[in-house]
Amino acid sequence: MVMKFGCAFFGMHPSCRDFFKQVQSDWEETNEMSPRFIQHKPDTGLSGDDIVNLLEGFFTVDEWNSFFTEFTDTVMADYNWRYGVNTVSTLSGLPVSKASVVATLAGDSTLSLAGAMKPGQVMNVQVVATSSLTATLPTASGWMLMDEDLLELSAGDVAEINIWCTGAGLYSVKTAIKL
């Protein structure tokens, strides 16, 4: 899909400064006191329907809806990744649907992921030990450990594991233990 329009298409100054005011405006609003009306919007004489008609030859409604759906899904997936916490009782098969994980462990556990993280994503795992245990970190190809490969924890200890996906199937791991 090729979008063939820019600020000049709408008959505006090429600086586009007014374009951004325009897209925030309600085209049909005439009440200058309304928050939907922007006083300095250019008077192009075009209604919302006029713009739809002008853009009709550049992409179809289905193409626009497909783009908008994909864009919305991407934004919501990112939002869902960033906010919220997964709570688990093992480090094995950590879910990759949230950037934050709290793992309350009662015994030894080995870190692994339930799926692949996307390059650039960072997951922080808080480990709370309810008994003495060992948390083993992966040393396989694709995993680069910046410090320890084993975390020896006593009951009540809290540790953090930071997992940064640096590329497809590539992970950099750092750890910290509360003293």
C-alpha atoms as a PDB file:
ATOM      1  CA  MET A   1       0.000   0.000   0.000  1.00  0.00           C
ATOM      2  CA  VAL A   2       1.441   3.351  -1.034  1.00  0.00           C
ATOM      3  CA  MET A   3       0.157   6.498   0.619  1.00  0.00           C
ATOM      4  CA  LYS A   4       0.463   9.313  -1.940  1.00  0.00           C
ATOM      5  CA  PHE A   5      -0.316  12.396   0.059  1.00  0.00           C
ATOM      6  CA  GLY A   6       1.509  14.940   2.117  1.00  0.00           C
ATOM      7  CA  CYS A   7       0.972  18.439   3.416  1.00  0.00           C
ATOM      8  CA  ALA A   8       0.985  19.924  -0.087  1.00  0.00           C
ATOM      9  CA  PHE A   9      -1.789  17.520  -1.114  1.00  0.00           C
ATOM     10  CA  PHE A  10      -4.180  19.331   1.192  1.00  0.00           C
ATOM     11  CA  GLY A  11      -3.169  22.747  -0.210  1.00  0.00           C
ATOM     12  CA  MET A  12      -1.191  23.735   2.880  1.00  0.00           C
ATOM     13  CA  HIS A  13       2.178  25.302   3.408  1.00  0.00           C
ATOM     14  CA  PRO A  14       4.919  22.705   2.908  1.00  0.00           C
ATOM     15  CA  SER A  15       6.164  23.210   6.470  1.00  0.00           C
ATOM     16  CA  CYS A  16       3.259  20.989   7.593  1.00  0.00           C
ATOM     17  CA  ARG A  17       2.936  22.941  10.834  1.00  0.00           C
ATOM     18  CA  ASP A  18      -0.767  23.496  10.247  1.00  0.00           C
ATOM     19  CA  PHE A  19      -1.259  19.923   9.070  1.00  0.00           C
ATOM     20  CA  PHE A  20      -0.856  18.610  12.597  1.00  0.00           C
ATOM     21  CA  LYS A  21      -3.379  21.123  13.902  1.00  0.00           C
ATOM     22  CA  GLN A  22      -5.717  20.048  11.127  1.00  0.00           C
ATOM     23  CA  VAL A  23      -5.650  16.353  11.962  1.00  0.00           C
ATOM     24  CA  GLN A  24      -6.522  17.193  15.554  1.00  0.00           C
ATOM     25  CA  SER A  25      -9.537  19.244  14.430  1.00  0.00           C
ATOM     26  CA  ASP A  26     -13.103  18.115  13.998  1.00  0.00           C
ATOM     27  CA  TRP A  27     -13.759  19.014  10.361  1.00  0.00           C
ATOM     28  CA  GLU A  28     -17.458  19.596  10.930  1.00  0.00           C
ATOM     29  CA  GLU A  29     -17.125  21.643  14.157  1.00  0.00           C
ATOM     30  CA  THR A  30     -18.036  25.327  13.768  1.00  0.00           C
ATOM     31  CA  ASN A  31     -18.191  26.324  17.442  1.00  0.00           C
ATOM     32  CA  GLU A  32     -14.876  28.073  18.075  1.00  0.00           C
ATOM     33  CA  MET A  33     -15.256  27.493  21.847  1.00  0.00           C
ATOM     34  CA  SER A  34     -15.435  23.736  21.429  1.00  0.00           C
ATOM     35  CA  PRO A  35     -12.334  21.710  22.385  1.00  0.00           C
ATOM     36  CA  ARG A  36     -12.775  19.858  19.070  1.00  0.00           C
ATOM     37  CA  PHE A  37     -12.308  23.093  17.133  1.00  0.00           C
ATOM     38  CA  ILE A  38      -8.778  24.385  16.609  1.00  0.00           C
ATOM     39  CA  GLN A  39      -8.827  28.070  15.890  1.00  0.00           C
ATOM     40  CA  HIS A  40      -5.918  28.054  13.466  1.00  0.00           C
ATOM     41  CA  LYS A  41      -6.978  25.090  11.364  1.00  0.00           C
ATOM     42  CA  PRO A  42      -6.702  25.893   7.687  1.00  0.00           C
ATOM     43  CA  ASP A  43      -9.933  26.666   5.912  1.00  0.00           C
ATOM     44  CA  THR A  44      -9.665  24.218   3.026  1.00  0.00           C
ATOM     45  CA  GLY A  45     -13.412  23.999   2.470  1.00  0.00           C
ATOM     46  CA  LEU A  46     -13.112  20.195   2.660  1.00  0.00           C
ATOM     47  CA  SER A  47     -15.365  18.060   4.828  1.00  0.00           C
ATOM     48  CA  GLY A  48     -14.448  14.689   6.300  1.00  0.00           C
ATOM     49  CA  ASP A  49     -16.365  13.020   3.451  1.00  0.00           C
ATOM     50  CA  ASP A  50     -14.400  15.102   0.921  1.00  0.00           C
ATOM     51  CA  ILE A  51     -11.123  13.790   2.330  1.00  0.00           C
ATOM     52  CA  VAL A  52     -12.390  10.202   2.235  1.00  0.00           C
ATOM     53  CA  ASN A  53     -13.355  10.729  -1.424  1.00  0.00           C
ATOM     54  CA  LEU A  54      -9.957  12.269  -2.244  1.00  0.00           C
ATOM     55  CA  LEU A  55      -8.044   9.388  -0.677  1.00  0.00           C
ATOM     56  CA  GLU A  56     -10.307   6.738  -2.166  1.00  0.00           C
ATOM     57  CA  GLY A  57      -8.007   6.064  -5.121  1.00  0.00           C
ATOM     58  CA  PHE A  58      -4.937   5.583  -2.937  1.00  0.00           C
ATOM     59  CA  PHE A  59      -6.136   2.737  -0.737  1.00  0.00           C
ATOM     60  CA  THR A  60      -9.339   0.836  -0.111  1.00  0.00           C
ATOM     61  CA  VAL A  61     -11.387   0.851   3.054  1.00  0.00           C
ATOM     62  CA  ASP A  62     -10.390  -2.800   3.562  1.00  0.00           C
ATOM     63  CA  GLU A  63      -6.697  -1.893   3.235  1.00  0.00           C
ATOM     64  CA  TRP A  64      -7.147   0.920   5.752  1.00  0.00           C
ATOM     65  CA  ASN A  65      -9.040  -1.339   8.162  1.00  0.00           C
ATOM     66  CA  SER A  66      -6.364  -4.020   7.822  1.00  0.00           C
ATOM     67  CA  PHE A  67      -3.607  -1.477   8.501  1.00  0.00           C
ATOM     68  CA  PHE A  68      -5.504   0.011  11.450  1.00  0.00           C
ATOM     69  CA  THR A  69      -6.182  -3.433  12.953  1.00  0.00           C
ATOM     70  CA  GLU A  70      -2.533  -4.471  12.621  1.00  0.00           C
ATOM     71  CA  PHE A  71      -1.374  -1.153  14.101  1.00  0.00           C
ATOM     72  CA  THR A  72      -3.812  -1.424  17.018  1.00  0.00           C
ATOM     73  CA  ASP A  73      -2.860  -5.051  17.683  1.00  0.00           C
ATOM     74  CA  THR A  74       0.837  -4.091  17.726  1.00  0.00           C
ATOM     75  CA  VAL A  75       0.280  -1.191  20.114  1.00  0.00           C
ATOM     76  CA  MET A  76      -1.872  -3.313  22.432  1.00  0.00           C
ATOM     77  CA  ALA A  77       0.635  -6.192  22.411  1.00  0.00           C
ATOM     78  CA  ASP A  78       3.361  -3.741  23.406  1.00  0.00           C
ATOM     79  CA  TYR A  79       1.119  -2.251  26.104  1.00  0.00           C
ATOM     80  CA  ASN A  80       0.282  -5.710  27.463  1.00  0.00           C
ATOM     81  CA  TRP A  81       3.989  -6.649  27.454  1.00  0.00           C
ATOM     82  CA  ARG A  82       5.026  -3.569  29.424  1.00  0.00           C
ATOM     83  CA  TYR A  83       2.350  -3.581  32.122  1.00  0.00           C
ATOM     84  CA  GLY A  84       1.369  -6.291  34.557  1.00  0.00           C
ATOM     85  CA  VAL A  85       3.256  -9.077  36.276  1.00  0.00           C
ATOM     86  CA  ASN A  86       3.320 -12.819  35.665  1.00  0.00           C
ATOM     87  CA  THR A  87       3.494 -14.802  38.917  1.00  0.00           C
ATOM     88  CA  VAL A  88       5.119 -18.250  38.803  1.00  0.00           C
ATOM     89  CA  SER A  89       6.470 -20.929  41.137  1.00  0.00           C
ATOM     90  CA  THR A  90       9.342 -22.132  38.924  1.00  0.00           C
ATOM     91  CA  LEU A  91      11.934 -20.596  36.615  1.00  0.00           C
ATOM     92  CA  SER A  92      11.334 -23.348  34.068  1.00  0.00           C
ATOM     93  CA  GLY A  93       9.239 -22.250  31.093  1.00  0.00           C
ATOM     94  CA  LEU A  94       8.883 -18.599  32.112  1.00  0.00           C
ATOM     95  CA  PRO A  95       6.004 -16.960  30.244  1.00  0.00           C
ATOM     96  CA  VAL A  96       7.128 -14.252  27.833  1.00  0.00           C
ATOM     97  CA  SER A  97       3.853 -12.304  27.810  1.00  0.00           C
ATOM     98  CA  LYS A  98       4.911  -9.681  30.400  1.00  0.00           C
ATOM     99  CA  ALA A  99       8.126  -7.768  31.057  1.00  0.00           C
ATOM    100  CA  SER A 100       7.866  -8.464  34.799  1.00  0.00           C
ATOM    101  CA  VAL A 101       7.810 -11.844  36.509  1.00  0.00           C
ATOM    102  CA  VAL A 102       7.739 -12.709  40.211  1.00  0.00           C
ATOM    103  CA  ALA A 103       8.941 -16.248  40.881  1.00  0.00           C
ATOM    104  CA  THR A 104       8.361 -17.603  44.393  1.00  0.00           C
ATOM    105  CA  LEU A 105      10.541 -20.705  44.616  1.00  0.00           C
ATOM    106  CA  ALA A 106      10.442 -23.495  47.190  1.00  0.00           C
ATOM    107  CA  GLY A 107      13.169 -25.621  45.551  1.00  0.00           C
ATOM    108  CA  ASP A 108      15.889 -25.735  42.931  1.00  0.00           C
ATOM    109  CA  SER A 109      14.923 -24.436  39.503  1.00  0.00           C
ATOM    110  CA  THR A 110      16.522 -23.939  36.085  1.00  0.00           C
ATOM    111  CA  LEU A 111      15.748 -20.862  34.007  1.00  0.00           C
ATOM    112  CA  SER A 112      14.131 -21.350  30.609  1.00  0.00           C
ATOM    113  CA  LEU A 113      11.579 -19.456  28.538  1.00  0.00           C
ATOM    114  CA  ALA A 114       8.183 -20.722  27.346  1.00  0.00           C
ATOM    115  CA  GLY A 115       8.719 -18.941  24.011  1.00  0.00           C
ATOM    116  CA  ALA A 116      10.981 -16.506  22.233  1.00  0.00           C
ATOM    117  CA  MET A 117      11.241 -12.890  23.272  1.00  0.00           C
ATOM    118  CA  LYS A 118      11.328 -10.218  20.587  1.00  0.00           C
ATOM    119  CA  PRO A 119      14.672  -8.491  19.952  1.00  0.00           C
ATOM    120  CA  GLY A 120      14.899  -5.441  22.209  1.00  0.00           C
ATOM    121  CA  GLN A 121      12.555  -6.771  24.879  1.00  0.00           C
ATOM    122  CA  VAL A 122      13.795  -6.923  28.453  1.00  0.00           C
ATOM    123  CA  MET A 123      12.289  -9.152  31.127  1.00  0.00           C
ATOM    124  CA  ASN A 124      12.939  -8.655  34.817  1.00  0.00           C
ATOM    125  CA  VAL A 125      12.411 -11.634  37.090  1.00  0.00           C
ATOM    126  CA  GLN A 126      12.247 -11.234  40.863  1.00  0.00           C
ATOM    127  CA  VAL A 127      13.114 -14.497  42.608  1.00  0.00           C
ATOM    128  CA  VAL A 128      11.859 -14.972  46.170  1.00  0.00           C
ATOM    129  CA  ALA A 129      13.293 -18.055  47.912  1.00  0.00           C
ATOM    130  CA  THR A 130      11.056 -19.678  50.531  1.00  0.00           C
ATOM    131  CA  SER A 131      13.770 -22.255  51.344  1.00  0.00           C
ATOM    132  CA  SER A 132      17.449 -22.754  50.547  1.00  0.00           C
ATOM    133  CA  LEU A 133      17.791 -23.440  46.824  1.00  0.00           C
ATOM    134  CA  THR A 134      19.878 -23.122  43.692  1.00  0.00           C
ATOM    135  CA  ALA A 135      18.643 -21.238  40.628  1.00  0.00           C
ATOM    136  CA  THR A 136      20.517 -22.402  37.524  1.00  0.00           C
ATOM    137  CA  LEU A 137      20.865 -20.036  34.554  1.00  0.00           C
ATOM    138  CA  PRO A 138      21.194 -21.309  30.968  1.00  0.00           C
ATOM    139  CA  THR A 139      24.658 -21.577  29.440  1.00  0.00           C
ATOM    140  CA  ALA A 140      23.549 -22.951  26.060  1.00  0.00           C
ATOM    141  CA  SER A 141      24.346 -21.260  22.779  1.00  0.00           C
ATOM    142  CA  GLY A 142      22.530 -17.953  22.445  1.00  0.00           C
ATOM    143  CA  TRP A 143      22.685 -17.205  26.182  1.00  0.00           C
ATOM    144  CA  MET A 144      25.394 -14.827  27.399  1.00  0.00           C
ATOM    145  CA  LEU A 145      25.721 -14.635  31.167  1.00  0.00           C
ATOM    146  CA  MET A 146      27.169 -11.370  32.429  1.00  0.00           C
ATOM    147  CA  ASP A 147      27.945 -12.799  35.876  1.00  0.00           C
ATOM    148  CA  GLU A 148      26.815 -15.974  37.675  1.00  0.00           C
ATOM    149  CA  ASP A 149      25.458 -19.200  36.208  1.00  0.00           C
ATOM    150  CA  LEU A 150      24.151 -20.364  39.604  1.00  0.00           C
ATOM    151  CA  LEU A 151      22.340 -18.380  42.259  1.00  0.00           C
ATOM    152  CA  GLU A 152      22.682 -19.938  45.721  1.00  0.00           C
ATOM    153  CA  LEU A 153      19.805 -18.553  47.784  1.00  0.00           C
ATOM    154  CA  SER A 154      18.798 -19.046  51.416  1.00  0.00           C
ATOM    155  CA  ALA A 155      15.249 -18.910  52.712  1.00  0.00           C
ATOM    156  CA  GLY A 156      14.025 -15.296  52.551  1.00  0.00           C
ATOM    157  CA  ASP A 157      16.631 -14.202  49.974  1.00  0.00           C
ATOM    158  CA  VAL A 158      15.471 -12.087  47.039  1.00  0.00           C
ATOM    159  CA  ALA A 159      17.290 -11.970  43.701  1.00  0.00           C
ATOM    160  CA  GLU A 160      16.657 -10.348  40.364  1.00  0.00           C
ATOM    161  CA  ILE A 161      17.391 -11.776  36.944  1.00  0.00           C
ATOM    162  CA  ASN A 162      17.454  -9.397  33.992  1.00  0.00           C
ATOM    163  CA  ILE A 163      16.997 -11.031  30.571  1.00  0.00           C
ATOM    164  CA  TRP A 164      17.640  -8.817  27.524  1.00  0.00           C
ATOM    165  CA  CYS A 165      16.849 -10.200  24.070  1.00  0.00           C
ATOM    166  CA  THR A 166      19.616  -8.823  21.854  1.00  0.00           C
ATOM    167  CA  GLY A 167      18.545 -10.604  18.671  1.00  0.00           C
ATOM    168  CA  ALA A 168      16.538 -13.585  17.482  1.00  0.00           C
ATOM    169  CA  GLY A 169      17.314 -16.332  20.012  1.00  0.00           C
ATOM    170  CA  LEU A 170      20.072 -14.261  21.676  1.00  0.00           C
ATOM    171  CA  TYR A 171      19.859 -13.340  25.347  1.00  0.00           C
ATOM    172  CA  SER A 172      22.060 -11.394  27.736  1.00  0.00           C
ATOM    173  CA  VAL A 173      21.483 -12.185  31.435  1.00  0.00           C
ATOM    174  CA  LYS A 174      22.483 -10.245  34.565  1.00  0.00           C
ATOM    175  CA  THR A 175      21.698 -11.080  38.174  1.00  0.00           C
ATOM    176  CA  ALA A 176      21.597  -9.294  41.497  1.00  0.00           C
ATOM    177  CA  ILE A 177      21.005 -10.612  45.011  1.00  0.00           C
ATOM    178  CA  LYS A 178      19.694  -8.397  47.821  1.00  0.00           C
ATOM    179  CA  LEU A 179      22.285  -8.305  50.567  1.00  0.00           C
END
